[in-house]
Amino acid sequence: MIKPDRHTNPDNSVINISAYILKQLNSFYDISYDKLLKKVTDDLGVSAKENYPYALNFLYLLGKLEYIEETDSFKYNAAK
């Protein structure tokens, strides 16, 4: 889903959703999975929900996202 084709809407791409998630994580210390999903769907549209898990995986693999299991939330990892 990272590689777009001619039918891909750039607003709903994994890269755009990842950038939006990073912007939200800079604003908050940590944010829960559900609250972040609601912000993504409210601001980027319901069709962005399909690529939301891929964007989280992408950021986690890059080391930019830290998952806190106790609170089911995410935190920006500025160390990497």
C-alpha atoms as a PDB file:
ATOM      1  CA  MET A   1       0.000   0.000   0.000  1.00  0.00           C
ATOM      2  CA  ILE A   2       2.982   2.333   0.180  1.00  0.00           C
ATOM      3  CA  LYS A   3       3.563   2.280  -3.559  1.00  0.00           C
ATOM      4  CA  PRO A   4       0.722   4.237  -5.169  1.00  0.00           C
ATOM      5  CA  ASP A   5      -0.952   3.437  -8.441  1.00  0.00           C
ATOM      6  CA  ARG A   6      -2.950   5.714 -10.694  1.00  0.00           C
ATOM      7  CA  HIS A   7      -6.116   5.236  -8.620  1.00  0.00           C
ATOM      8  CA  THR A   8      -4.525   6.175  -5.294  1.00  0.00           C
ATOM      9  CA  ASN A   9      -5.729   9.389  -3.725  1.00  0.00           C
ATOM     10  CA  PRO A  10      -2.620  11.160  -2.349  1.00  0.00           C
ATOM     11  CA  ASP A  11      -4.614  12.356   0.669  1.00  0.00           C
ATOM     12  CA  ASN A  12      -5.246   8.756   1.717  1.00  0.00           C
ATOM     13  CA  SER A  13      -1.754   7.434   1.085  1.00  0.00           C
ATOM     14  CA  VAL A  14       0.305   5.785   3.800  1.00  0.00           C
ATOM     15  CA  ILE A  15       2.898   8.562   3.618  1.00  0.00           C
ATOM     16  CA  ASN A  16       0.321  11.320   4.078  1.00  0.00           C
ATOM     17  CA  ILE A  17      -1.391   9.519   6.956  1.00  0.00           C
ATOM     18  CA  SER A  18       2.008   8.902   8.567  1.00  0.00           C
ATOM     19  CA  ALA A  19       2.860  12.589   8.325  1.00  0.00           C
ATOM     20  CA  TYR A  20      -0.474  13.482   9.916  1.00  0.00           C
ATOM     21  CA  ILE A  21       0.116  10.988  12.743  1.00  0.00           C
ATOM     22  CA  LEU A  22       3.572  12.457  13.431  1.00  0.00           C
ATOM     23  CA  LYS A  23       2.059  15.937  13.559  1.00  0.00           C
ATOM     24  CA  GLN A  24      -0.515  14.750  16.090  1.00  0.00           C
ATOM     25  CA  LEU A  25       2.117  13.003  18.189  1.00  0.00           C
ATOM     26  CA  ASN A  26       4.148  16.215  18.336  1.00  0.00           C
ATOM     27  CA  SER A  27       1.109  17.984  19.793  1.00  0.00           C
ATOM     28  CA  PHE A  28       0.418  15.399  22.523  1.00  0.00           C
ATOM     29  CA  TYR A  29       2.702  13.487  24.886  1.00  0.00           C
ATOM     30  CA  ASP A  30       0.899  10.279  24.032  1.00  0.00           C
ATOM     31  CA  ILE A  31      -2.395   9.466  22.376  1.00  0.00           C
ATOM     32  CA  SER A  32      -4.528   6.361  22.456  1.00  0.00           C
ATOM     33  CA  TYR A  33      -5.145   4.202  19.406  1.00  0.00           C
ATOM     34  CA  ASP A  34      -8.857   5.045  19.257  1.00  0.00           C
ATOM     35  CA  LYS A  35      -8.418   8.802  19.704  1.00  0.00           C
ATOM     36  CA  LEU A  36      -5.751   8.869  17.009  1.00  0.00           C
ATOM     37  CA  LEU A  37      -7.967   6.861  14.654  1.00  0.00           C
ATOM     38  CA  LYS A  38     -10.844   9.284  15.273  1.00  0.00           C
ATOM     39  CA  LYS A  39      -8.601  12.278  14.518  1.00  0.00           C
ATOM     40  CA  VAL A  40      -7.356  10.654  11.305  1.00  0.00           C
ATOM     41  CA  THR A  41     -10.846   9.798  10.067  1.00  0.00           C
ATOM     42  CA  ASP A  42     -12.272  13.189  11.066  1.00  0.00           C
ATOM     43  CA  ASP A  43      -9.547  15.216   9.360  1.00  0.00           C
ATOM     44  CA  LEU A  44      -8.523  13.013   6.423  1.00  0.00           C
ATOM     45  CA  GLY A  45     -11.801  11.214   5.759  1.00  0.00           C
ATOM     46  CA  VAL A  46     -13.272   7.797   6.404  1.00  0.00           C
ATOM     47  CA  SER A  47     -11.376   6.305   3.460  1.00  0.00           C
ATOM     48  CA  ALA A  48      -8.101   6.935   5.338  1.00  0.00           C
ATOM     49  CA  LYS A  49      -9.163   4.298   7.874  1.00  0.00           C
ATOM     50  CA  GLU A  50      -8.100   1.565   5.436  1.00  0.00           C
ATOM     51  CA  ASN A  51      -4.437   2.678   5.438  1.00  0.00           C
ATOM     52  CA  TYR A  52      -4.301   3.694   9.120  1.00  0.00           C
ATOM     53  CA  PRO A  53      -2.780   0.398  10.370  1.00  0.00           C
ATOM     54  CA  TYR A  54      -0.242   0.442   7.523  1.00  0.00           C
ATOM     55  CA  ALA A  55       0.810   3.970   8.477  1.00  0.00           C
ATOM     56  CA  LEU A  56       1.284   2.913  12.109  1.00  0.00           C
ATOM     57  CA  ASN A  57       3.351  -0.085  11.003  1.00  0.00           C
ATOM     58  CA  PHE A  58       5.420   2.122   8.709  1.00  0.00           C
ATOM     59  CA  LEU A  59       6.224   4.572  11.521  1.00  0.00           C
ATOM     60  CA  TYR A  60       6.958   1.772  13.983  1.00  0.00           C
ATOM     61  CA  LEU A  61       9.376   0.115  11.559  1.00  0.00           C
ATOM     62  CA  LEU A  62      11.154   3.443  11.049  1.00  0.00           C
ATOM     63  CA  GLY A  63      11.520   3.776  14.820  1.00  0.00           C
ATOM     64  CA  LYS A  64       9.480   6.983  15.000  1.00  0.00           C
ATOM     65  CA  LEU A  65       6.634   5.483  16.991  1.00  0.00           C
ATOM     66  CA  GLU A  66       6.659   3.863  20.404  1.00  0.00           C
ATOM     67  CA  TYR A  67       3.745   1.721  21.573  1.00  0.00           C
ATOM     68  CA  ILE A  68       2.810   1.782  25.263  1.00  0.00           C
ATOM     69  CA  GLU A  69       0.993  -1.477  25.986  1.00  0.00           C
ATOM     70  CA  GLU A  70      -0.362  -0.549  29.437  1.00  0.00           C
ATOM     71  CA  THR A  71      -2.384   2.389  28.100  1.00  0.00           C
ATOM     72  CA  ASP A  72      -2.817   1.187  24.486  1.00  0.00           C
ATOM     73  CA  SER A  73      -1.328   4.440  23.266  1.00  0.00           C
ATOM     74  CA  PHE A  74       1.457   5.752  21.064  1.00  0.00           C
ATOM     75  CA  LYS A  75       4.284   8.138  21.777  1.00  0.00           C
ATOM     76  CA  TYR A  76       6.653   9.930  19.420  1.00  0.00           C
ATOM     77  CA  ASN A  77      10.162   8.491  19.627  1.00  0.00           C
ATOM     78  CA  ALA A  78      12.432  11.487  19.050  1.00  0.00           C
ATOM     79  CA  ALA A  79      15.605   9.532  19.789  1.00  0.00           C
ATOM     80  CA  LYS A  80      15.749   8.033  16.296  1.00  0.00           C
END
